[in-house]
Amino acid sequence: MSFAAGTPVSGHRAATQRRLFLRFAIGADTYVLDTHEIVQVLPLGRYKQVPGMPAWVAGLTMYHGRPLPVIDMTALATGTAAARLTSTRVVVVSSPSGAGERAPLGLILEKATETAHYDPSAFVPSGLDHRDAPYLGPVLDTGNGLLQWLRVDELVPPALRERLFGAAAEAGA
């Protein structure tokens, strides 16, 4: 017996195969983020600029009394800042920060208002070389178009991690 992606699965098999994903948009395309990687979803706010950072680094905000670096996923992918809409959210994820440690990272995501269950094993490699965007993971054909899985651990290039998370630590000192 096989199950198509995006269709209901019942019983024990559903619990082991399906996971909850947050859907969001970059331009006209839909992406997903595994909710196991999400710490909290916040409304869009204002951010302190961090000079010398790439344009897709929106800046810093405070999160539970500590600085939180925030990156704009639309700006990272397209070079254009995310639209400031009611559906645009800051999704706090746990990201590698260097030396085997993890730290909170804010992601500005457009249309981040829906979740859906998908079978992670139904996602397939895109077949494209994503060396300039390693955060772009496998894709899933839902019948209504392709979804692409965003990989949190690949969002911040290793060369930028120390600068980004170091700036957050320095601002908190």
C-alpha atoms as a PDB file:
ATOM      1  CA  MET A   1       0.000   0.000   0.000  1.00  0.00           C
ATOM      2  CA  SER A   2       1.367   3.462  -0.843  1.00  0.00           C
ATOM      3  CA  PHE A   3       0.290   6.921   0.196  1.00  0.00           C
ATOM      4  CA  ALA A   4       0.475  10.026  -1.959  1.00  0.00           C
ATOM      5  CA  ALA A   5       2.095  13.093  -0.433  1.00  0.00           C
ATOM      6  CA  GLY A   6      -0.393  15.424   1.218  1.00  0.00           C
ATOM      7  CA  THR A   7      -3.062  12.734   1.737  1.00  0.00           C
ATOM      8  CA  PRO A   8      -4.301  11.571   5.139  1.00  0.00           C
ATOM      9  CA  VAL A   9      -2.540   8.621   6.723  1.00  0.00           C
ATOM     10  CA  SER A  10      -4.096   6.937   9.745  1.00  0.00           C
ATOM     11  CA  GLY A  11      -2.929   4.956  12.744  1.00  0.00           C
ATOM     12  CA  HIS A  12       0.629   4.223  13.892  1.00  0.00           C
ATOM     13  CA  ARG A  13       1.987   4.644  10.377  1.00  0.00           C
ATOM     14  CA  ALA A  14       0.785   8.270  10.357  1.00  0.00           C
ATOM     15  CA  ALA A  15       2.610   9.009  13.605  1.00  0.00           C
ATOM     16  CA  THR A  16       5.896   7.637  12.302  1.00  0.00           C
ATOM     17  CA  GLN A  17       5.784   8.954   8.730  1.00  0.00           C
ATOM     18  CA  ARG A  18       4.100  12.345   8.785  1.00  0.00           C
ATOM     19  CA  ARG A  19       5.446  15.533  10.273  1.00  0.00           C
ATOM     20  CA  LEU A  20       4.023  18.977  10.687  1.00  0.00           C
ATOM     21  CA  PHE A  21       5.490  21.710   8.478  1.00  0.00           C
ATOM     22  CA  LEU A  22       4.969  25.477   8.438  1.00  0.00           C
ATOM     23  CA  ARG A  23       4.184  26.731   4.942  1.00  0.00           C
ATOM     24  CA  PHE A  24       5.486  30.127   3.794  1.00  0.00           C
ATOM     25  CA  ALA A  25       6.193  31.981   0.569  1.00  0.00           C
ATOM     26  CA  ILE A  26       9.168  33.497  -1.158  1.00  0.00           C
ATOM     27  CA  GLY A  27       7.745  35.352  -4.132  1.00  0.00           C
ATOM     28  CA  ALA A  28       5.210  33.125  -5.879  1.00  0.00           C
ATOM     29  CA  ASP A  29       6.750  29.887  -4.593  1.00  0.00           C
ATOM     30  CA  THR A  30       5.830  27.886  -1.498  1.00  0.00           C
ATOM     31  CA  TYR A  31       8.383  26.545   0.959  1.00  0.00           C
ATOM     32  CA  VAL A  32       8.099  24.563   4.170  1.00  0.00           C
ATOM     33  CA  LEU A  33       9.944  24.457   7.454  1.00  0.00           C
ATOM     34  CA  ASP A  34       9.798  21.450   9.783  1.00  0.00           C
ATOM     35  CA  THR A  35       8.007  22.610  12.948  1.00  0.00           C
ATOM     36  CA  HIS A  36      10.452  20.551  15.049  1.00  0.00           C
ATOM     37  CA  GLU A  37      12.993  23.278  14.210  1.00  0.00           C
ATOM     38  CA  ILE A  38      10.702  26.132  15.315  1.00  0.00           C
ATOM     39  CA  VAL A  39      11.064  27.610  18.790  1.00  0.00           C
ATOM     40  CA  GLN A  40       8.394  30.318  18.509  1.00  0.00           C
ATOM     41  CA  VAL A  41       6.464  32.400  15.970  1.00  0.00           C
ATOM     42  CA  LEU A  42       6.430  36.163  16.582  1.00  0.00           C
ATOM     43  CA  PRO A  43       4.827  39.156  14.875  1.00  0.00           C
ATOM     44  CA  LEU A  44       7.008  41.224  12.560  1.00  0.00           C
ATOM     45  CA  GLY A  45       8.821  44.024  14.381  1.00  0.00           C
ATOM     46  CA  ARG A  46      11.553  46.629  14.058  1.00  0.00           C
ATOM     47  CA  TYR A  47      15.200  45.651  14.083  1.00  0.00           C
ATOM     48  CA  LYS A  48      18.455  47.336  15.028  1.00  0.00           C
ATOM     49  CA  GLN A  49      20.661  47.430  11.953  1.00  0.00           C
ATOM     50  CA  VAL A  50      24.036  45.666  12.121  1.00  0.00           C
ATOM     51  CA  PRO A  51      26.491  47.557   9.890  1.00  0.00           C
ATOM     52  CA  GLY A  52      28.687  45.471   7.632  1.00  0.00           C
ATOM     53  CA  MET A  53      26.278  42.548   7.436  1.00  0.00           C
ATOM     54  CA  PRO A  54      24.766  41.305   4.175  1.00  0.00           C
ATOM     55  CA  ALA A  55      21.568  43.106   3.128  1.00  0.00           C
ATOM     56  CA  TRP A  56      19.486  40.023   3.974  1.00  0.00           C
ATOM     57  CA  VAL A  57      20.411  40.343   7.657  1.00  0.00           C
ATOM     58  CA  ALA A  58      17.458  42.419   8.873  1.00  0.00           C
ATOM     59  CA  GLY A  59      19.201  43.181  12.172  1.00  0.00           C
ATOM     60  CA  LEU A  60      18.764  42.436  15.851  1.00  0.00           C
ATOM     61  CA  THR A  61      15.808  42.399  18.194  1.00  0.00           C
ATOM     62  CA  MET A  62      15.431  41.292  21.801  1.00  0.00           C
ATOM     63  CA  TYR A  63      14.165  37.805  22.573  1.00  0.00           C
ATOM     64  CA  HIS A  64      13.780  36.689  26.194  1.00  0.00           C
ATOM     65  CA  GLY A  65      16.239  39.362  27.300  1.00  0.00           C
ATOM     66  CA  ARG A  66      18.918  38.450  24.750  1.00  0.00           C
ATOM     67  CA  PRO A  67      19.701  39.784  21.281  1.00  0.00           C
ATOM     68  CA  LEU A  68      18.209  37.768  18.435  1.00  0.00           C
ATOM     69  CA  PRO A  69      19.745  38.058  14.955  1.00  0.00           C
ATOM     70  CA  VAL A  70      17.032  38.197  12.302  1.00  0.00           C
ATOM     71  CA  ILE A  71      17.415  37.348   8.630  1.00  0.00           C
ATOM     72  CA  ASP A  72      14.945  38.107   5.865  1.00  0.00           C
ATOM     73  CA  MET A  73      14.417  34.950   3.829  1.00  0.00           C
ATOM     74  CA  THR A  74      12.885  36.793   0.882  1.00  0.00           C
ATOM     75  CA  ALA A  75      15.872  39.161   0.758  1.00  0.00           C
ATOM     76  CA  LEU A  76      18.274  36.220   1.043  1.00  0.00           C
ATOM     77  CA  ALA A  77      16.618  34.371  -1.849  1.00  0.00           C
ATOM     78  CA  THR A  78      15.628  37.254  -4.136  1.00  0.00           C
ATOM     79  CA  GLY A  79      17.473  40.396  -3.036  1.00  0.00           C
ATOM     80  CA  THR A  80      14.157  42.129  -2.253  1.00  0.00           C
ATOM     81  CA  ALA A  81      12.934  42.618   1.319  1.00  0.00           C
ATOM     82  CA  ALA A  82       9.878  40.706   2.531  1.00  0.00           C
ATOM     83  CA  ALA A  83       6.570  42.518   2.290  1.00  0.00           C
ATOM     84  CA  ARG A  84       5.400  43.947   5.611  1.00  0.00           C
ATOM     85  CA  LEU A  85       2.027  42.196   5.671  1.00  0.00           C
ATOM     86  CA  THR A  86      -0.112  40.825   8.476  1.00  0.00           C
ATOM     87  CA  SER A  87       0.883  37.330   7.354  1.00  0.00           C
ATOM     88  CA  THR A  88       4.630  38.087   7.519  1.00  0.00           C
ATOM     89  CA  ARG A  89       6.069  36.608  10.706  1.00  0.00           C
ATOM     90  CA  VAL A  90       9.363  36.165  12.491  1.00  0.00           C
ATOM     91  CA  VAL A  91       9.904  32.477  13.073  1.00  0.00           C
ATOM     92  CA  VAL A  92      12.500  31.756  15.748  1.00  0.00           C
ATOM     93  CA  VAL A  93      14.502  28.618  15.000  1.00  0.00           C
ATOM     94  CA  SER A  94      17.454  26.897  16.637  1.00  0.00           C
ATOM     95  CA  SER A  95      20.456  27.424  14.362  1.00  0.00           C
ATOM     96  CA  PRO A  96      24.076  26.291  14.488  1.00  0.00           C
ATOM     97  CA  SER A  97      26.073  29.206  15.901  1.00  0.00           C
ATOM     98  CA  GLY A  98      29.557  27.682  15.764  1.00  0.00           C
ATOM     99  CA  ALA A  99      31.721  25.355  17.861  1.00  0.00           C
ATOM    100  CA  GLY A 100      28.929  22.764  17.964  1.00  0.00           C
ATOM    101  CA  GLU A 101      26.559  25.144  19.737  1.00  0.00           C
ATOM    102  CA  ARG A 102      23.099  26.305  18.745  1.00  0.00           C
ATOM    103  CA  ALA A 103      21.435  29.675  19.193  1.00  0.00           C
ATOM    104  CA  PRO A 104      18.075  31.227  18.372  1.00  0.00           C
ATOM    105  CA  LEU A 105      17.798  32.844  14.942  1.00  0.00           C
ATOM    106  CA  GLY A 106      14.834  34.844  13.661  1.00  0.00           C
ATOM    107  CA  LEU A 107      13.588  34.260  10.124  1.00  0.00           C
ATOM    108  CA  ILE A 108      11.306  36.771   8.450  1.00  0.00           C
ATOM    109  CA  LEU A 109       8.868  34.633   6.462  1.00  0.00           C
ATOM    110  CA  GLU A 110       6.024  35.842   4.237  1.00  0.00           C
ATOM    111  CA  LYS A 111       2.590  34.177   4.386  1.00  0.00           C
ATOM    112  CA  ALA A 112       3.674  32.077   7.383  1.00  0.00           C
ATOM    113  CA  THR A 113       0.164  31.307   8.596  1.00  0.00           C
ATOM    114  CA  GLU A 114      -0.560  27.699   7.601  1.00  0.00           C
ATOM    115  CA  THR A 115       0.707  24.306   8.637  1.00  0.00           C
ATOM    116  CA  ALA A 116       0.317  20.955   6.925  1.00  0.00           C
ATOM    117  CA  HIS A 117       1.389  17.363   7.499  1.00  0.00           C
ATOM    118  CA  TYR A 118       3.717  15.755   4.949  1.00  0.00           C
ATOM    119  CA  ASP A 119       5.706  12.566   4.825  1.00  0.00           C
ATOM    120  CA  PRO A 120       9.388  13.637   4.910  1.00  0.00           C
ATOM    121  CA  SER A 121      10.355  10.588   2.838  1.00  0.00           C
ATOM    122  CA  ALA A 122       8.104  11.830   0.003  1.00  0.00           C
ATOM    123  CA  PHE A 123      10.409  14.811  -0.610  1.00  0.00           C
ATOM    124  CA  VAL A 124      12.920  14.187  -3.407  1.00  0.00           C
ATOM    125  CA  PRO A 125      16.154  15.951  -4.410  1.00  0.00           C
ATOM    126  CA  SER A 126      15.494  18.859  -6.765  1.00  0.00           C
ATOM    127  CA  GLY A 127      18.231  17.767  -9.142  1.00  0.00           C
ATOM    128  CA  LEU A 128      19.701  21.286  -9.127  1.00  0.00           C
ATOM    129  CA  ASP A 129      23.079  22.388  -7.820  1.00  0.00           C
ATOM    130  CA  HIS A 130      22.232  24.644  -4.849  1.00  0.00           C
ATOM    131  CA  ARG A 131      25.813  25.518  -3.890  1.00  0.00           C
ATOM    132  CA  ASP A 132      24.891  29.223  -3.675  1.00  0.00           C
ATOM    133  CA  ALA A 133      21.728  28.445  -1.684  1.00  0.00           C
ATOM    134  CA  PRO A 134      22.471  25.274   0.316  1.00  0.00           C
ATOM    135  CA  TYR A 135      19.450  25.929   2.554  1.00  0.00           C
ATOM    136  CA  LEU A 136      17.187  24.824  -0.326  1.00  0.00           C
ATOM    137  CA  GLY A 137      16.353  21.215   0.382  1.00  0.00           C
ATOM    138  CA  PRO A 138      14.318  18.581  -1.427  1.00  0.00           C
ATOM    139  CA  VAL A 139      10.977  19.185  -3.113  1.00  0.00           C
ATOM    140  CA  LEU A 140       7.515  17.657  -2.908  1.00  0.00           C
ATOM    141  CA  ASP A 141       4.910  17.619  -5.675  1.00  0.00           C
ATOM    142  CA  THR A 142       1.578  18.272  -3.960  1.00  0.00           C
ATOM    143  CA  GLY A 143      -0.484  18.171  -7.137  1.00  0.00           C
ATOM    144  CA  ASN A 144      -0.911  21.954  -6.784  1.00  0.00           C
ATOM    145  CA  GLY A 145       2.754  22.731  -7.365  1.00  0.00           C
ATOM    146  CA  LEU A 146       6.107  22.033  -5.780  1.00  0.00           C
ATOM    147  CA  LEU A 147       7.013  22.714  -2.159  1.00  0.00           C
ATOM    148  CA  GLN A 148      10.655  23.071  -1.206  1.00  0.00           C
ATOM    149  CA  TRP A 149      11.964  22.188   2.240  1.00  0.00           C
ATOM    150  CA  LEU A 150      14.087  24.902   3.835  1.00  0.00           C
ATOM    151  CA  ARG A 151      17.038  23.484   5.798  1.00  0.00           C
ATOM    152  CA  VAL A 152      17.702  25.595   8.909  1.00  0.00           C
ATOM    153  CA  ASP A 153      21.178  24.176   9.502  1.00  0.00           C
ATOM    154  CA  GLU A 154      22.292  25.450   6.080  1.00  0.00           C
ATOM    155  CA  LEU A 155      20.862  28.983   6.315  1.00  0.00           C
ATOM    156  CA  VAL A 156      23.834  30.836   7.745  1.00  0.00           C
ATOM    157  CA  PRO A 157      27.083  30.157   5.887  1.00  0.00           C
ATOM    158  CA  PRO A 158      29.811  28.962   8.290  1.00  0.00           C
ATOM    159  CA  ALA A 159      31.944  32.027   7.482  1.00  0.00           C
ATOM    160  CA  LEU A 160      29.114  34.322   8.621  1.00  0.00           C
ATOM    161  CA  ARG A 161      28.053  32.425  11.769  1.00  0.00           C
ATOM    162  CA  GLU A 162      30.703  33.922  14.029  1.00  0.00           C
ATOM    163  CA  ARG A 163      30.042  37.420  12.737  1.00  0.00           C
ATOM    164  CA  LEU A 164      26.278  37.090  13.030  1.00  0.00           C
ATOM    165  CA  PHE A 165      26.065  35.345  16.375  1.00  0.00           C
ATOM    166  CA  GLY A 166      29.088  37.234  17.686  1.00  0.00           C
ATOM    167  CA  ALA A 167      27.302  40.503  16.914  1.00  0.00           C
ATOM    168  CA  ALA A 168      24.275  39.252  18.854  1.00  0.00           C
ATOM    169  CA  ALA A 169      26.459  38.228  21.815  1.00  0.00           C
ATOM    170  CA  GLU A 170      28.329  41.548  21.733  1.00  0.00           C
ATOM    171  CA  ALA A 171      25.086  43.527  21.657  1.00  0.00           C
ATOM    172  CA  GLY A 172      23.912  41.569  24.712  1.00  0.00           C
ATOM    173  CA  ALA A 173      27.070  42.303  26.715  1.00  0.00           C
END
